Amino acid sequence: MQNQRKPSNIFEIIAETNRRYIIDLLRTRPRSVGEIVERSQLSQPGVSKHLRILREAGLVTTSKESQRHIYHLRVEPLQEIDNWLQPYRQDWSDRLDALEQFLDEEE
């Protein structure tokens, strides 16, 4: 079995499609592994692997209800991505403002 390198930063972690899907599921409400398996195309071991990576990155926490582990999304680690995107948002906002001004002048 090939030893895979663990993702080292938030960008690598959310670059994986299945992890983004799990994050989207958890954004709406906390869920058990079984619920995530039912809603995804992944096996239980596959979901557990992705949840472990998300937990190690601090993106999810767990609580226990009876025998089930419930996963909760933590959005604070996503702040790194928001911070990185901020200059691009400002650039787009400036460009849209300039376009709006140009269109107003054309009327």
C-alpha atoms as a PDB file:
ATOM      1  CA  MET A   1       0.000   0.000   0.000  1.00  0.00           C
ATOM      2  CA  GLN A   2       1.343   3.408  -0.981  1.00  0.00           C
ATOM      3  CA  ASN A   3       1.998   5.817   1.883  1.00  0.00           C
ATOM      4  CA  GLN A   4       0.199   9.068   1.041  1.00  0.00           C
ATOM      5  CA  ARG A   5       1.412  12.409   2.321  1.00  0.00           C
ATOM      6  CA  LYS A   6      -1.064  14.203   4.576  1.00  0.00           C
ATOM      7  CA  PRO A   7      -2.339  17.588   3.399  1.00  0.00           C
ATOM      8  CA  SER A   8      -0.329  20.260   5.176  1.00  0.00           C
ATOM      9  CA  ASN A   9      -2.490  23.367   4.912  1.00  0.00           C
ATOM     10  CA  ILE A  10      -6.103  24.414   4.705  1.00  0.00           C
ATOM     11  CA  PHE A  11      -5.918  24.948   0.941  1.00  0.00           C
ATOM     12  CA  GLU A  12      -4.741  21.380   0.328  1.00  0.00           C
ATOM     13  CA  ILE A  13      -7.358  20.039   2.706  1.00  0.00           C
ATOM     14  CA  ILE A  14     -10.320  21.686   1.020  1.00  0.00           C
ATOM     15  CA  ALA A  15      -8.930  21.072  -2.469  1.00  0.00           C
ATOM     16  CA  GLU A  16     -10.231  17.509  -2.195  1.00  0.00           C
ATOM     17  CA  THR A  17     -13.796  17.271  -3.561  1.00  0.00           C
ATOM     18  CA  ASN A  18     -15.131  14.804  -1.001  1.00  0.00           C
ATOM     19  CA  ARG A  19     -13.879  16.889   1.904  1.00  0.00           C
ATOM     20  CA  ARG A  20     -15.567  19.992   0.469  1.00  0.00           C
ATOM     21  CA  TYR A  21     -18.783  17.983   0.157  1.00  0.00           C
ATOM     22  CA  ILE A  22     -18.523  16.868   3.795  1.00  0.00           C
ATOM     23  CA  ILE A  23     -17.890  20.475   4.857  1.00  0.00           C
ATOM     24  CA  ASP A  24     -20.995  21.532   2.912  1.00  0.00           C
ATOM     25  CA  LEU A  25     -23.064  18.834   4.641  1.00  0.00           C
ATOM     26  CA  LEU A  26     -21.814  19.891   8.059  1.00  0.00           C
ATOM     27  CA  ARG A  27     -22.444  23.556   7.283  1.00  0.00           C
ATOM     28  CA  THR A  28     -26.193  22.929   7.471  1.00  0.00           C
ATOM     29  CA  ARG A  29     -26.071  20.908  10.715  1.00  0.00           C
ATOM     30  CA  PRO A  30     -23.968  18.442  12.705  1.00  0.00           C
ATOM     31  CA  ARG A  31     -24.102  14.870  11.362  1.00  0.00           C
ATOM     32  CA  SER A  32     -23.029  11.349  12.229  1.00  0.00           C
ATOM     33  CA  VAL A  33     -20.654   9.327  10.077  1.00  0.00           C
ATOM     34  CA  GLY A  34     -23.623   7.195   8.996  1.00  0.00           C
ATOM     35  CA  GLU A  35     -25.548  10.236   7.787  1.00  0.00           C
ATOM     36  CA  ILE A  36     -22.552  11.452   5.802  1.00  0.00           C
ATOM     37  CA  VAL A  37     -22.114   7.988   4.241  1.00  0.00           C
ATOM     38  CA  GLU A  38     -25.812   7.939   3.251  1.00  0.00           C
ATOM     39  CA  ARG A  39     -25.553  11.371   1.605  1.00  0.00           C
ATOM     40  CA  SER A  40     -22.262  10.740  -0.197  1.00  0.00           C
ATOM     41  CA  GLN A  41     -20.859   8.249  -2.669  1.00  0.00           C
ATOM     42  CA  LEU A  42     -18.207   7.202  -0.159  1.00  0.00           C
ATOM     43  CA  SER A  43     -17.809   4.102   1.953  1.00  0.00           C
ATOM     44  CA  GLN A  44     -17.768   4.353   5.740  1.00  0.00           C
ATOM     45  CA  PRO A  45     -13.962   3.945   5.844  1.00  0.00           C
ATOM     46  CA  GLY A  46     -13.640   6.656   3.173  1.00  0.00           C
ATOM     47  CA  VAL A  47     -15.829   9.088   5.120  1.00  0.00           C
ATOM     48  CA  SER A  48     -13.936   8.299   8.321  1.00  0.00           C
ATOM     49  CA  LYS A  49     -10.603   8.997   6.595  1.00  0.00           C
ATOM     50  CA  HIS A  50     -11.777  12.397   5.359  1.00  0.00           C
ATOM     51  CA  LEU A  51     -13.302  13.256   8.741  1.00  0.00           C
ATOM     52  CA  ARG A  52     -10.002  12.388  10.437  1.00  0.00           C
ATOM     53  CA  ILE A  53      -8.149  14.787   8.121  1.00  0.00           C
ATOM     54  CA  LEU A  54     -10.760  17.498   8.732  1.00  0.00           C
ATOM     55  CA  ARG A  55     -10.547  16.908  12.497  1.00  0.00           C
ATOM     56  CA  GLU A  56      -6.726  17.072  12.491  1.00  0.00           C
ATOM     57  CA  ALA A  57      -6.962  20.372  10.604  1.00  0.00           C
ATOM     58  CA  GLY A  58      -9.376  21.719  13.214  1.00  0.00           C
ATOM     59  CA  LEU A  59     -12.248  22.010  10.738  1.00  0.00           C
ATOM     60  CA  VAL A  60     -14.497  19.604  12.634  1.00  0.00           C
ATOM     61  CA  THR A  61     -15.050  18.589  16.225  1.00  0.00           C
ATOM     62  CA  THR A  62     -16.928  15.612  17.581  1.00  0.00           C
ATOM     63  CA  SER A  63     -19.422  14.988  20.301  1.00  0.00           C
ATOM     64  CA  LYS A  64     -20.888  11.693  21.380  1.00  0.00           C
ATOM     65  CA  GLU A  65     -24.582  10.811  21.417  1.00  0.00           C
ATOM     66  CA  SER A  66     -25.082   7.273  22.703  1.00  0.00           C
ATOM     67  CA  GLN A  67     -22.843   5.162  20.474  1.00  0.00           C
ATOM     68  CA  ARG A  68     -22.656   7.707  17.641  1.00  0.00           C
ATOM     69  CA  HIS A  69     -19.983  10.306  17.020  1.00  0.00           C
ATOM     70  CA  ILE A  70     -21.529  13.536  15.787  1.00  0.00           C
ATOM     71  CA  TYR A  71     -19.349  15.832  13.693  1.00  0.00           C
ATOM     72  CA  HIS A  72     -19.643  19.615  13.925  1.00  0.00           C
ATOM     73  CA  LEU A  73     -18.119  22.127  11.523  1.00  0.00           C
ATOM     74  CA  ARG A  74     -15.706  24.725  12.905  1.00  0.00           C
ATOM     75  CA  VAL A  75     -15.508  27.670  10.526  1.00  0.00           C
ATOM     76  CA  GLU A  76     -12.638  29.477  12.255  1.00  0.00           C
ATOM     77  CA  PRO A  77      -9.909  27.636  10.298  1.00  0.00           C
ATOM     78  CA  LEU A  78     -11.564  28.812   7.082  1.00  0.00           C
ATOM     79  CA  GLN A  79     -10.626  32.370   8.067  1.00  0.00           C
ATOM     80  CA  GLU A  80      -7.208  31.731   6.486  1.00  0.00           C
ATOM     81  CA  ILE A  81      -8.903  31.304   3.105  1.00  0.00           C
ATOM     82  CA  ASP A  82     -11.111  34.333   3.658  1.00  0.00           C
ATOM     83  CA  ASN A  83      -8.023  36.418   4.491  1.00  0.00           C
ATOM     84  CA  TRP A  84      -6.263  35.209   1.354  1.00  0.00           C
ATOM     85  CA  LEU A  85      -9.300  36.042  -0.821  1.00  0.00           C
ATOM     86  CA  GLN A  86      -9.788  39.550   0.590  1.00  0.00           C
ATOM     87  CA  PRO A  87      -7.473  41.397  -1.848  1.00  0.00           C
ATOM     88  CA  TYR A  88      -9.153  39.627  -4.773  1.00  0.00           C
ATOM     89  CA  ARG A  89     -12.603  40.614  -3.513  1.00  0.00           C
ATOM     90  CA  GLN A  90     -11.451  44.217  -3.265  1.00  0.00           C
ATOM     91  CA  ASP A  91     -10.045  44.084  -6.795  1.00  0.00           C
ATOM     92  CA  TRP A  92     -13.323  42.716  -8.169  1.00  0.00           C
ATOM     93  CA  SER A  93     -15.318  45.281  -6.222  1.00  0.00           C
ATOM     94  CA  ASP A  94     -13.169  48.080  -7.661  1.00  0.00           C
ATOM     95  CA  ARG A  95     -13.609  46.728 -11.184  1.00  0.00           C
ATOM     96  CA  LEU A  96     -17.377  46.417 -10.802  1.00  0.00           C
ATOM     97  CA  ASP A  97     -17.568  49.955  -9.421  1.00  0.00           C
ATOM     98  CA  ALA A  98     -15.607  51.197 -12.442  1.00  0.00           C
ATOM     99  CA  LEU A  99     -17.926  49.304 -14.794  1.00  0.00           C
ATOM    100  CA  GLU A 100     -20.984  50.739 -13.067  1.00  0.00           C
ATOM    101  CA  GLN A 101     -19.548  54.259 -13.352  1.00  0.00           C
ATOM    102  CA  PHE A 102     -18.761  53.702 -17.047  1.00  0.00           C
ATOM    103  CA  LEU A 103     -22.277  52.423 -17.771  1.00  0.00           C
ATOM    104  CA  ASP A 104     -23.831  55.354 -15.886  1.00  0.00           C
ATOM    105  CA  GLU A 105     -21.765  57.780 -17.983  1.00  0.00           C
ATOM    106  CA  GLU A 106     -22.885  56.054 -21.200  1.00  0.00           C
ATOM    107  CA  GLU A 107     -26.576  56.712 -20.409  1.00  0.00           C
END
